Amino acid sequence: MVLTQCANCGTDATMRCAGCMDAPEYQPGDSVGVVYCNRDCQKGHWSDHKAYCRALGQRRKLLRAANILKAALLTYREVEYDVDLTKMEFQDGVLCLYQNQRSITARSKRGLFPAHLTTNIEHKEAALANNQCTTAMALLGRLTRKLLEGVDWTIEVLDLHIGKPRIITKLVPGPDSSDCPHTVLKVGRLFTNEIWIIDTAGCQYGFREVLVPFKRYLADKSSRISNEPTTYDATETKDLDYFSTLPFMNRTRAQREDTRLERQARLHFAVFVDTQVNKDILNGSAAGFKDKLDRFVHELKLHMLNLGN
């Protein structure tokens, strides 16, 4: 739906309010931006429009933050890939990631994702995100809080079982992870009934949208909730700190060295968030945000590649 009449005087109009453009829908048709015939009409209508405009502006910031979080996870994984991948094959809805499986006494093969194995962006993203929702929750905690600081949202961690993936991604050889819960962020806007899901690692199931209304996410993906949501307070190494207490994950020198290197990379990522990310990245036009996101990805990749230099 596109409005063509001035919200203030009712005449034909084409000047869209920049504050509520490009906001995602929560309910069908509830994010229609208004138009005006001139600046005077826009100023005259502001007292009526401002609450709606600010609400849509908050949604747009949430969508942009979600896209940054997904891009950050995939960029990190692209540089710090730890699977010795030899072939990718998609057939009958299953994306098989063939790997050289290592023993617990051998170090993981860390480095750039082998991009030559596929030209399909969805398959590449699925491979990068495979079994990474726990990593995503830890890695992205600082960045999430920085992007949404001062915005009226509650953020919780939620475990789900996905009943209807678009694709199934699995390592071959590798354990069957089909029954493992999938971890997402449950985000609610204060003083409203809006509840959203941010799914940064959902591309392993072929999910393209990173921000989806809560009820629609559950329905479209036939998802069931595994447990009650918990407060999102993760640090970059929260999962690694826990893994370090588990004897079976620390039996060998190779396992301990892999954890050390992953911790080093996570802390290097945190430096980028602290020094290079500004909340202003969420502002501006759609075209301007695309440029900012592209620059963010480029600069993060260079930063991660410089680890150890």
C-alpha atoms as a PDB file:
ATOM      1  CA  MET A   1       0.000   0.000   0.000  1.00  0.00           C
ATOM      2  CA  VAL A   2       1.363   3.413  -1.007  1.00  0.00           C
ATOM      3  CA  LEU A   3      -0.274   6.647   0.124  1.00  0.00           C
ATOM      4  CA  THR A   4      -0.550   9.400  -2.486  1.00  0.00           C
ATOM      5  CA  GLN A   5      -2.465  12.050  -0.567  1.00  0.00           C
ATOM      6  CA  CYS A   6      -0.957  14.558   1.822  1.00  0.00           C
ATOM      7  CA  ALA A   7      -1.563  13.441   5.408  1.00  0.00           C
ATOM      8  CA  ASN A   8      -2.156  17.080   6.394  1.00  0.00           C
ATOM      9  CA  CYS A   9      -4.288  18.638   3.644  1.00  0.00           C
ATOM     10  CA  GLY A  10      -5.392  15.727   1.471  1.00  0.00           C
ATOM     11  CA  THR A  11      -4.015  16.978  -1.844  1.00  0.00           C
ATOM     12  CA  ASP A  12      -1.908  14.843  -4.169  1.00  0.00           C
ATOM     13  CA  ALA A  13       1.530  14.327  -2.674  1.00  0.00           C
ATOM     14  CA  THR A  14       4.774  12.459  -3.296  1.00  0.00           C
ATOM     15  CA  MET A  15       7.127  13.628  -0.523  1.00  0.00           C
ATOM     16  CA  ARG A  16       7.523  10.682   1.838  1.00  0.00           C
ATOM     17  CA  CYS A  17       8.352  11.139   5.493  1.00  0.00           C
ATOM     18  CA  ALA A  18      11.954   9.998   5.855  1.00  0.00           C
ATOM     19  CA  GLY A  19      11.442   9.064   9.496  1.00  0.00           C
ATOM     20  CA  CYS A  20       9.046   6.184   8.797  1.00  0.00           C
ATOM     21  CA  MET A  21      10.248   4.934   5.426  1.00  0.00           C
ATOM     22  CA  ASP A  22      11.416   1.327   5.003  1.00  0.00           C
ATOM     23  CA  ALA A  23      10.148   0.058   8.370  1.00  0.00           C
ATOM     24  CA  PRO A  24       9.231  -3.655   8.556  1.00  0.00           C
ATOM     25  CA  GLU A  25       5.632  -4.764   9.002  1.00  0.00           C
ATOM     26  CA  TYR A  26       4.523  -6.301  12.276  1.00  0.00           C
ATOM     27  CA  GLN A  27       0.943  -6.730  11.149  1.00  0.00           C
ATOM     28  CA  PRO A  28       0.030  -6.563   7.433  1.00  0.00           C
ATOM     29  CA  GLY A  29      -0.228  -2.945   6.327  1.00  0.00           C
ATOM     30  CA  ASP A  30       0.878  -1.382   9.624  1.00  0.00           C
ATOM     31  CA  SER A  31       4.093   0.200   8.363  1.00  0.00           C
ATOM     32  CA  VAL A  32       2.764   2.467   5.628  1.00  0.00           C
ATOM     33  CA  GLY A  33       4.802   5.656   5.533  1.00  0.00           C
ATOM     34  CA  VAL A  34       2.933   8.915   5.118  1.00  0.00           C
ATOM     35  CA  VAL A  35       3.401  11.504   2.380  1.00  0.00           C
ATOM     36  CA  TYR A  36       3.154  15.273   2.262  1.00  0.00           C
ATOM     37  CA  CYS A  37       2.818  17.856  -0.457  1.00  0.00           C
ATOM     38  CA  ASN A  38       5.385  20.235   1.087  1.00  0.00           C
ATOM     39  CA  ARG A  39       7.482  20.892   4.187  1.00  0.00           C
ATOM     40  CA  ASP A  40       4.899  23.225   5.729  1.00  0.00           C
ATOM     41  CA  CYS A  41       2.280  20.461   5.705  1.00  0.00           C
ATOM     42  CA  GLN A  42       4.787  18.045   7.200  1.00  0.00           C
ATOM     43  CA  LYS A  43       5.551  20.452  10.044  1.00  0.00           C
ATOM     44  CA  GLY A  44       1.852  21.149  10.577  1.00  0.00           C
ATOM     45  CA  HIS A  45       1.056  17.448  10.885  1.00  0.00           C
ATOM     46  CA  TRP A  46       3.976  16.518  13.150  1.00  0.00           C
ATOM     47  CA  SER A  47       2.033  16.565  16.437  1.00  0.00           C
ATOM     48  CA  ASP A  48      -0.368  13.959  15.019  1.00  0.00           C
ATOM     49  CA  HIS A  49       2.291  11.925  13.254  1.00  0.00           C
ATOM     50  CA  LYS A  50       5.235  11.858  15.657  1.00  0.00           C
ATOM     51  CA  ALA A  51       4.216   8.835  17.786  1.00  0.00           C
ATOM     52  CA  TYR A  52       3.605   6.691  14.689  1.00  0.00           C
ATOM     53  CA  CYS A  53       6.781   7.975  13.027  1.00  0.00           C
ATOM     54  CA  ARG A  54       8.943   7.224  16.052  1.00  0.00           C
ATOM     55  CA  ALA A  55       7.451   3.740  16.410  1.00  0.00           C
ATOM     56  CA  LEU A  56       8.286   2.882  12.800  1.00  0.00           C
ATOM     57  CA  GLY A  57      11.694   4.479  13.193  1.00  0.00           C
ATOM     58  CA  GLN A  58      12.395   2.132  16.116  1.00  0.00           C
ATOM     59  CA  ARG A  59      11.371  -0.851  13.995  1.00  0.00           C
ATOM     60  CA  ARG A  60      13.634   0.245  11.192  1.00  0.00           C
ATOM     61  CA  LYS A  61      16.572   0.532  13.596  1.00  0.00           C
ATOM     62  CA  LEU A  62      15.835  -2.962  14.885  1.00  0.00           C
ATOM     63  CA  LEU A  63      15.797  -4.351  11.344  1.00  0.00           C
ATOM     64  CA  ARG A  64      19.056  -2.641  10.482  1.00  0.00           C
ATOM     65  CA  ALA A  65      20.665  -3.837  13.716  1.00  0.00           C
ATOM     66  CA  ALA A  66      19.549  -7.401  12.934  1.00  0.00           C
ATOM     67  CA  ASN A  67      21.102  -7.218   9.463  1.00  0.00           C
ATOM     68  CA  ILE A  68      24.358  -5.924  10.943  1.00  0.00           C
ATOM     69  CA  LEU A  69      24.421  -8.766  13.474  1.00  0.00           C
ATOM     70  CA  LYS A  70      23.936 -11.401  10.784  1.00  0.00           C
ATOM     71  CA  ALA A  71      26.600  -9.786   8.598  1.00  0.00           C
ATOM     72  CA  ALA A  72      28.998  -9.687  11.560  1.00  0.00           C
ATOM     73  CA  LEU A  73      28.528 -13.392  12.297  1.00  0.00           C
ATOM     74  CA  LEU A  74      28.997 -14.455   8.673  1.00  0.00           C
ATOM     75  CA  THR A  75      32.024 -12.205   8.177  1.00  0.00           C
ATOM     76  CA  TYR A  76      33.642 -13.524  11.350  1.00  0.00           C
ATOM     77  CA  ARG A  77      33.031 -17.107  10.249  1.00  0.00           C
ATOM     78  CA  GLU A  78      34.282 -16.423   6.727  1.00  0.00           C
ATOM     79  CA  VAL A  79      37.675 -15.396   8.126  1.00  0.00           C
ATOM     80  CA  GLU A  80      37.791 -17.769  11.118  1.00  0.00           C
ATOM     81  CA  TYR A  81      36.393 -20.911   9.468  1.00  0.00           C
ATOM     82  CA  ASP A  82      37.369 -24.035  11.402  1.00  0.00           C
ATOM     83  CA  VAL A  83      36.014 -26.887   9.237  1.00  0.00           C
ATOM     84  CA  ASP A  84      38.283 -28.703   6.770  1.00  0.00           C
ATOM     85  CA  LEU A  85      35.640 -28.565   4.055  1.00  0.00           C
ATOM     86  CA  THR A  86      36.294 -30.554   0.867  1.00  0.00           C
ATOM     87  CA  LYS A  87      32.968 -30.538  -1.017  1.00  0.00           C
ATOM     88  CA  MET A  88      29.424 -29.141  -0.854  1.00  0.00           C
ATOM     89  CA  GLU A  89      26.501 -30.983  -2.395  1.00  0.00           C
ATOM     90  CA  PHE A  90      22.799 -30.071  -2.408  1.00  0.00           C
ATOM     91  CA  GLN A  91      20.186 -32.700  -3.191  1.00  0.00           C
ATOM     92  CA  ASP A  92      16.551 -33.233  -2.173  1.00  0.00           C
ATOM     93  CA  GLY A  93      16.580 -30.336   0.279  1.00  0.00           C
ATOM     94  CA  VAL A  94      19.775 -31.427   2.056  1.00  0.00           C
ATOM     95  CA  LEU A  95      23.048 -29.484   1.888  1.00  0.00           C
ATOM     96  CA  CYS A  96      25.873 -31.890   2.667  1.00  0.00           C
ATOM     97  CA  LEU A  97      29.138 -30.366   3.844  1.00  0.00           C
ATOM     98  CA  TYR A  98      31.841 -32.978   3.321  1.00  0.00           C
ATOM     99  CA  GLN A  99      34.805 -32.576   5.634  1.00  0.00           C
ATOM    100  CA  ASN A 100      38.077 -34.201   6.569  1.00  0.00           C
ATOM    101  CA  GLN A 101      37.174 -35.189  10.100  1.00  0.00           C
ATOM    102  CA  ARG A 102      40.003 -34.831  12.586  1.00  0.00           C
ATOM    103  CA  SER A 103      40.789 -36.620  15.814  1.00  0.00           C
ATOM    104  CA  ILE A 104      40.752 -34.830  19.145  1.00  0.00           C
ATOM    105  CA  THR A 105      44.565 -34.868  19.110  1.00  0.00           C
ATOM    106  CA  ALA A 106      44.718 -32.825  15.878  1.00  0.00           C
ATOM    107  CA  ARG A 107      44.310 -29.063  15.713  1.00  0.00           C
ATOM    108  CA  SER A 108      41.397 -27.651  13.714  1.00  0.00           C
ATOM    109  CA  LYS A 109      42.135 -26.100  10.353  1.00  0.00           C
ATOM    110  CA  ARG A 110      41.427 -22.384  10.813  1.00  0.00           C
ATOM    111  CA  GLY A 111      41.391 -19.918   7.962  1.00  0.00           C
ATOM    112  CA  LEU A 112      39.341 -18.458   5.143  1.00  0.00           C
ATOM    113  CA  PHE A 113      36.169 -20.220   4.061  1.00  0.00           C
ATOM    114  CA  PRO A 114      36.865 -22.198   0.824  1.00  0.00           C
ATOM    115  CA  ALA A 115      34.669 -20.015  -1.370  1.00  0.00           C
ATOM    116  CA  HIS A 116      35.625 -21.944  -4.512  1.00  0.00           C
ATOM    117  CA  LEU A 117      33.381 -24.817  -3.392  1.00  0.00           C
ATOM    118  CA  THR A 118      30.140 -22.971  -4.204  1.00  0.00           C
ATOM    119  CA  THR A 119      28.793 -20.004  -6.127  1.00  0.00           C
ATOM    120  CA  ASN A 120      25.414 -20.177  -4.382  1.00  0.00           C
ATOM    121  CA  ILE A 121      25.188 -17.453  -1.718  1.00  0.00           C
ATOM    122  CA  GLU A 122      22.476 -19.283   0.246  1.00  0.00           C
ATOM    123  CA  HIS A 123      24.595 -22.432   0.406  1.00  0.00           C
ATOM    124  CA  LYS A 124      27.650 -20.440   1.451  1.00  0.00           C
ATOM    125  CA  GLU A 125      25.726 -18.722   4.247  1.00  0.00           C
ATOM    126  CA  ALA A 126      24.277 -22.067   5.369  1.00  0.00           C
ATOM    127  CA  ALA A 127      27.771 -23.541   5.599  1.00  0.00           C
ATOM    128  CA  LEU A 128      29.083 -20.532   7.521  1.00  0.00           C
ATOM    129  CA  ALA A 129      26.194 -20.605  10.003  1.00  0.00           C
ATOM    130  CA  ASN A 130      25.942 -24.372  10.450  1.00  0.00           C
ATOM    131  CA  ASN A 131      25.847 -25.208  14.188  1.00  0.00           C
ATOM    132  CA  GLN A 132      26.805 -21.623  15.040  1.00  0.00           C
ATOM    133  CA  CYS A 133      23.797 -20.290  16.961  1.00  0.00           C
ATOM    134  CA  THR A 134      25.599 -20.702  20.308  1.00  0.00           C
ATOM    135  CA  THR A 135      28.651 -18.932  18.922  1.00  0.00           C
ATOM    136  CA  ALA A 136      26.383 -16.182  17.589  1.00  0.00           C
ATOM    137  CA  MET A 137      24.799 -15.570  20.983  1.00  0.00           C
ATOM    138  CA  ALA A 138      28.208 -15.110  22.624  1.00  0.00           C
ATOM    139  CA  LEU A 139      30.048 -13.326  19.839  1.00  0.00           C
ATOM    140  CA  LEU A 140      27.320 -10.761  19.150  1.00  0.00           C
ATOM    141  CA  GLY A 141      26.372  -9.795  22.705  1.00  0.00           C
ATOM    142  CA  ARG A 142      28.526  -6.661  22.907  1.00  0.00           C
ATOM    143  CA  LEU A 143      27.561  -5.557  19.401  1.00  0.00           C
ATOM    144  CA  THR A 144      23.838  -6.074  20.069  1.00  0.00           C
ATOM    145  CA  ARG A 145      23.929  -3.967  23.214  1.00  0.00           C
ATOM    146  CA  LYS A 146      25.908  -1.212  21.506  1.00  0.00           C
ATOM    147  CA  LEU A 147      23.561  -0.996  18.520  1.00  0.00           C
ATOM    148  CA  LEU A 148      20.382  -0.998  20.616  1.00  0.00           C
ATOM    149  CA  GLU A 149      21.631   1.132  23.506  1.00  0.00           C
ATOM    150  CA  GLY A 150      19.020   3.693  24.504  1.00  0.00           C
ATOM    151  CA  VAL A 151      16.289   1.999  22.465  1.00  0.00           C
ATOM    152  CA  ASP A 152      13.209   0.739  24.310  1.00  0.00           C
ATOM    153  CA  TRP A 153      13.583  -2.991  23.680  1.00  0.00           C
ATOM    154  CA  THR A 154      13.819  -6.020  25.956  1.00  0.00           C
ATOM    155  CA  ILE A 155      16.199  -8.698  24.676  1.00  0.00           C
ATOM    156  CA  GLU A 156      16.091 -12.367  25.703  1.00  0.00           C
ATOM    157  CA  VAL A 157      17.641 -15.641  24.559  1.00  0.00           C
ATOM    158  CA  LEU A 158      15.196 -18.290  23.368  1.00  0.00           C
ATOM    159  CA  ASP A 159      15.775 -21.931  22.389  1.00  0.00           C
ATOM    160  CA  LEU A 160      13.526 -23.413  19.709  1.00  0.00           C
ATOM    161  CA  HIS A 161      13.140 -26.630  17.785  1.00  0.00           C
ATOM    162  CA  ILE A 162      12.696 -25.907  14.065  1.00  0.00           C
ATOM    163  CA  GLY A 163       9.988 -28.128  12.618  1.00  0.00           C
ATOM    164  CA  LYS A 164      10.029 -26.907   9.033  1.00  0.00           C
ATOM    165  CA  PRO A 165      13.447 -25.848   7.689  1.00  0.00           C
ATOM    166  CA  ARG A 166      13.726 -24.769   4.058  1.00  0.00           C
ATOM    167  CA  ILE A 167      16.925 -26.786   3.791  1.00  0.00           C
ATOM    168  CA  ILE A 168      18.816 -29.159   6.056  1.00  0.00           C
ATOM    169  CA  THR A 169      22.537 -28.509   6.455  1.00  0.00           C
ATOM    170  CA  LYS A 170      24.757 -31.261   7.830  1.00  0.00           C
ATOM    171  CA  LEU A 171      28.409 -32.166   8.150  1.00  0.00           C
ATOM    172  CA  VAL A 172      29.528 -35.432   6.536  1.00  0.00           C
ATOM    173  CA  PRO A 173      30.927 -37.241   8.422  1.00  0.00           C
ATOM    174  CA  GLY A 174      29.560 -35.637  11.547  1.00  0.00           C
ATOM    175  CA  PRO A 175      27.061 -36.019  14.379  1.00  0.00           C
ATOM    176  CA  ASP A 176      23.315 -35.826  13.785  1.00  0.00           C
ATOM    177  CA  SER A 177      22.348 -32.369  15.056  1.00  0.00           C
ATOM    178  CA  SER A 178      18.759 -32.384  13.764  1.00  0.00           C
ATOM    179  CA  ASP A 179      17.340 -32.551  17.298  1.00  0.00           C
ATOM    180  CA  CYS A 180      19.540 -29.784  18.688  1.00  0.00           C
ATOM    181  CA  PRO A 181      17.732 -26.601  19.741  1.00  0.00           C
ATOM    182  CA  HIS A 182      18.205 -23.466  17.683  1.00  0.00           C
ATOM    183  CA  THR A 183      18.956 -20.319  19.678  1.00  0.00           C
ATOM    184  CA  VAL A 184      17.529 -16.938  18.683  1.00  0.00           C
ATOM    185  CA  LEU A 185      16.897 -13.551  20.263  1.00  0.00           C
ATOM    186  CA  LYS A 186      13.394 -12.659  21.409  1.00  0.00           C
ATOM    187  CA  VAL A 187      13.003  -8.884  21.297  1.00  0.00           C
ATOM    188  CA  GLY A 188      10.033  -6.986  22.699  1.00  0.00           C
ATOM    189  CA  ARG A 189       9.290  -3.284  22.354  1.00  0.00           C
ATOM    190  CA  LEU A 190       8.307  -1.694  25.653  1.00  0.00           C
ATOM    191  CA  PHE A 191       4.778  -0.357  26.094  1.00  0.00           C
ATOM    192  CA  THR A 192       3.522  -2.266  23.033  1.00  0.00           C
ATOM    193  CA  ASN A 193       2.565  -5.846  22.143  1.00  0.00           C
ATOM    194  CA  GLU A 194       5.352  -6.127  19.559  1.00  0.00           C
ATOM    195  CA  ILE A 195       7.609  -9.166  19.931  1.00  0.00           C
ATOM    196  CA  TRP A 196      10.195 -10.033  17.273  1.00  0.00           C
ATOM    197  CA  ILE A 197      12.695 -12.796  16.600  1.00  0.00           C
ATOM    198  CA  ILE A 198      16.243 -11.956  15.519  1.00  0.00           C
ATOM    199  CA  ASP A 199      17.717 -15.075  13.913  1.00  0.00           C
ATOM    200  CA  THR A 200      21.333 -14.454  12.955  1.00  0.00           C
ATOM    201  CA  ALA A 201      22.153 -18.110  12.211  1.00  0.00           C
ATOM    202  CA  GLY A 202      18.869 -19.107  10.586  1.00  0.00           C
ATOM    203  CA  CYS A 203      20.495 -19.217   7.159  1.00  0.00           C
ATOM    204  CA  GLN A 204      21.698 -22.741   8.058  1.00  0.00           C
ATOM    205  CA  TYR A 205      18.032 -23.694   7.589  1.00  0.00           C
ATOM    206  CA  GLY A 206      17.640 -21.595   4.449  1.00  0.00           C
ATOM    207  CA  PHE A 207      15.879 -18.754   6.287  1.00  0.00           C
ATOM    208  CA  ARG A 208      16.654 -15.443   4.601  1.00  0.00           C
ATOM    209  CA  GLU A 209      14.809 -13.057   6.921  1.00  0.00           C
ATOM    210  CA  VAL A 210      16.761 -12.120  10.013  1.00  0.00           C
ATOM    211  CA  LEU A 211      13.952 -10.153  11.734  1.00  0.00           C
ATOM    212  CA  VAL A 212      10.491 -11.751  11.899  1.00  0.00           C
ATOM    213  CA  PRO A 213       7.417 -11.131  14.104  1.00  0.00           C
ATOM    214  CA  PHE A 214       7.426 -13.714  16.902  1.00  0.00           C
ATOM    215  CA  LYS A 215       4.109 -15.431  16.145  1.00  0.00           C
ATOM    216  CA  ARG A 216       4.786 -15.537  12.403  1.00  0.00           C
ATOM    217  CA  TYR A 217       8.224 -17.048  13.003  1.00  0.00           C
ATOM    218  CA  LEU A 218       6.780 -19.845  15.129  1.00  0.00           C
ATOM    219  CA  ALA A 219       3.969 -20.541  12.661  1.00  0.00           C
ATOM    220  CA  ASP A 220       5.962 -20.375   9.420  1.00  0.00           C
ATOM    221  CA  LYS A 221       8.747 -22.591  10.722  1.00  0.00           C
ATOM    222  CA  SER A 222       6.530 -24.942  12.799  1.00  0.00           C
ATOM    223  CA  SER A 223       8.750 -24.135  15.760  1.00  0.00           C
ATOM    224  CA  ARG A 224       8.215 -25.117  19.363  1.00  0.00           C
ATOM    225  CA  ILE A 225       9.785 -23.425  22.358  1.00  0.00           C
ATOM    226  CA  SER A 226      12.247 -25.585  24.292  1.00  0.00           C
ATOM    227  CA  ASN A 227      12.389 -23.573  27.506  1.00  0.00           C
ATOM    228  CA  GLU A 228      11.642 -20.216  29.063  1.00  0.00           C
ATOM    229  CA  PRO A 229      13.591 -17.267  27.634  1.00  0.00           C
ATOM    230  CA  THR A 230      16.476 -15.848  29.643  1.00  0.00           C
ATOM    231  CA  THR A 231      18.062 -12.410  29.805  1.00  0.00           C
ATOM    232  CA  TYR A 232      20.611 -11.760  27.066  1.00  0.00           C
ATOM    233  CA  ASP A 233      23.802 -10.862  28.922  1.00  0.00           C
ATOM    234  CA  ALA A 234      26.391 -12.790  26.913  1.00  0.00           C
ATOM    235  CA  THR A 235      30.001 -11.774  26.465  1.00  0.00           C
ATOM    236  CA  GLU A 236      32.147 -12.809  23.492  1.00  0.00           C
ATOM    237  CA  THR A 237      33.609 -15.773  25.369  1.00  0.00           C
ATOM    238  CA  LYS A 238      30.670 -16.913  27.513  1.00  0.00           C
ATOM    239  CA  ASP A 239      30.342 -20.257  25.734  1.00  0.00           C
ATOM    240  CA  LEU A 240      34.118 -20.817  25.736  1.00  0.00           C
ATOM    241  CA  ASP A 241      34.275 -20.090  29.459  1.00  0.00           C
ATOM    242  CA  TYR A 242      31.707 -22.826  30.020  1.00  0.00           C
ATOM    243  CA  PHE A 243      33.379 -25.285  27.636  1.00  0.00           C
ATOM    244  CA  SER A 244      36.637 -24.845  29.542  1.00  0.00           C
ATOM    245  CA  THR A 245      34.975 -26.461  32.581  1.00  0.00           C
ATOM    246  CA  LEU A 246      34.047 -29.642  30.683  1.00  0.00           C
ATOM    247  CA  PRO A 247      36.770 -32.314  30.932  1.00  0.00           C
ATOM    248  CA  PHE A 248      35.869 -34.049  27.657  1.00  0.00           C
ATOM    249  CA  MET A 249      36.461 -30.782  25.764  1.00  0.00           C
ATOM    250  CA  ASN A 250      39.894 -30.248  27.328  1.00  0.00           C
ATOM    251  CA  ARG A 251      41.536 -33.662  27.189  1.00  0.00           C
ATOM    252  CA  THR A 252      44.227 -32.867  24.650  1.00  0.00           C
ATOM    253  CA  ARG A 253      46.654 -30.097  23.885  1.00  0.00           C
ATOM    254  CA  ALA A 254      44.997 -29.640  20.479  1.00  0.00           C
ATOM    255  CA  GLN A 255      41.577 -29.047  22.055  1.00  0.00           C
ATOM    256  CA  ARG A 256      42.988 -26.507  24.487  1.00  0.00           C
ATOM    257  CA  GLU A 257      44.912 -24.740  21.729  1.00  0.00           C
ATOM    258  CA  ASP A 258      41.797 -24.540  19.530  1.00  0.00           C
ATOM    259  CA  THR A 259      39.921 -22.924  22.408  1.00  0.00           C
ATOM    260  CA  ARG A 260      42.760 -20.470  23.003  1.00  0.00           C
ATOM    261  CA  LEU A 261      42.808 -19.399  19.362  1.00  0.00           C
ATOM    262  CA  GLU A 262      39.029 -19.033  19.252  1.00  0.00           C
ATOM    263  CA  ARG A 263      39.108 -16.925  22.404  1.00  0.00           C
ATOM    264  CA  GLN A 264      41.819 -14.744  20.880  1.00  0.00           C
ATOM    265  CA  ALA A 265      39.720 -14.210  17.745  1.00  0.00           C
ATOM    266  CA  ARG A 266      36.599 -13.385  19.775  1.00  0.00           C
ATOM    267  CA  LEU A 267      38.450 -10.763  21.825  1.00  0.00           C
ATOM    268  CA  HIS A 268      39.876  -9.300  18.618  1.00  0.00           C
ATOM    269  CA  PHE A 269      36.300  -9.001  17.325  1.00  0.00           C
ATOM    270  CA  ALA A 270      35.373  -7.200  20.566  1.00  0.00           C
ATOM    271  CA  VAL A 271      38.091  -4.609  19.918  1.00  0.00           C
ATOM    272  CA  PHE A 272      36.496  -3.869  16.540  1.00  0.00           C
ATOM    273  CA  VAL A 273      33.080  -3.385  18.169  1.00  0.00           C
ATOM    274  CA  ASP A 274      34.526  -1.054  20.807  1.00  0.00           C
ATOM    275  CA  THR A 275      36.604   1.078  18.450  1.00  0.00           C
ATOM    276  CA  GLN A 276      34.975   0.954  15.023  1.00  0.00           C
ATOM    277  CA  VAL A 277      31.203   0.635  15.501  1.00  0.00           C
ATOM    278  CA  ASN A 278      29.067   3.734  15.980  1.00  0.00           C
ATOM    279  CA  LYS A 279      25.301   3.713  16.510  1.00  0.00           C
ATOM    280  CA  ASP A 280      25.045   6.234  13.678  1.00  0.00           C
ATOM    281  CA  ILE A 281      25.297   3.226  11.364  1.00  0.00           C
ATOM    282  CA  LEU A 282      21.559   2.687  11.957  1.00  0.00           C
ATOM    283  CA  ASN A 283      20.586   6.135  10.687  1.00  0.00           C
ATOM    284  CA  GLY A 284      20.067   7.565   7.217  1.00  0.00           C
ATOM    285  CA  SER A 285      18.422   6.500   3.983  1.00  0.00           C
ATOM    286  CA  ALA A 286      18.116   2.939   2.720  1.00  0.00           C
ATOM    287  CA  ALA A 287      20.871   3.550   0.177  1.00  0.00           C
ATOM    288  CA  GLY A 288      23.050   5.167   2.809  1.00  0.00           C
ATOM    289  CA  PHE A 289      22.578   2.238   5.166  1.00  0.00           C
ATOM    290  CA  LYS A 290      23.519  -0.238   2.438  1.00  0.00           C
ATOM    291  CA  ASP A 291      26.780   1.641   1.931  1.00  0.00           C
ATOM    292  CA  LYS A 292      27.426   1.653   5.676  1.00  0.00           C
ATOM    293  CA  LEU A 293      26.732  -2.075   5.932  1.00  0.00           C
ATOM    294  CA  ASP A 294      29.055  -2.843   3.020  1.00  0.00           C
ATOM    295  CA  ARG A 295      31.780  -0.754   4.648  1.00  0.00           C
ATOM    296  CA  PHE A 296      31.182  -2.462   7.999  1.00  0.00           C
ATOM    297  CA  VAL A 297      31.677  -5.896   6.423  1.00  0.00           C
ATOM    298  CA  HIS A 298      34.804  -4.784   4.560  1.00  0.00           C
ATOM    299  CA  GLU A 299      36.393  -3.196   7.625  1.00  0.00           C
ATOM    300  CA  LEU A 300      35.527  -6.123   9.895  1.00  0.00           C
ATOM    301  CA  LYS A 301      37.056  -8.567   7.431  1.00  0.00           C
ATOM    302  CA  LEU A 302      40.275  -6.547   7.286  1.00  0.00           C
ATOM    303  CA  HIS A 303      40.336  -6.297  11.080  1.00  0.00           C
ATOM    304  CA  MET A 304      39.953 -10.056  11.540  1.00  0.00           C
ATOM    305  CA  LEU A 305      42.550 -10.787   8.853  1.00  0.00           C
ATOM    306  CA  ASN A 306      45.003  -8.624  10.795  1.00  0.00           C
ATOM    307  CA  LEU A 307      44.729 -10.835  13.877  1.00  0.00           C
ATOM    308  CA  GLY A 308      48.214 -11.657  15.078  1.00  0.00           C
ATOM    309  CA  ASN A 309      49.968  -9.072  12.888  1.00  0.00           C
END
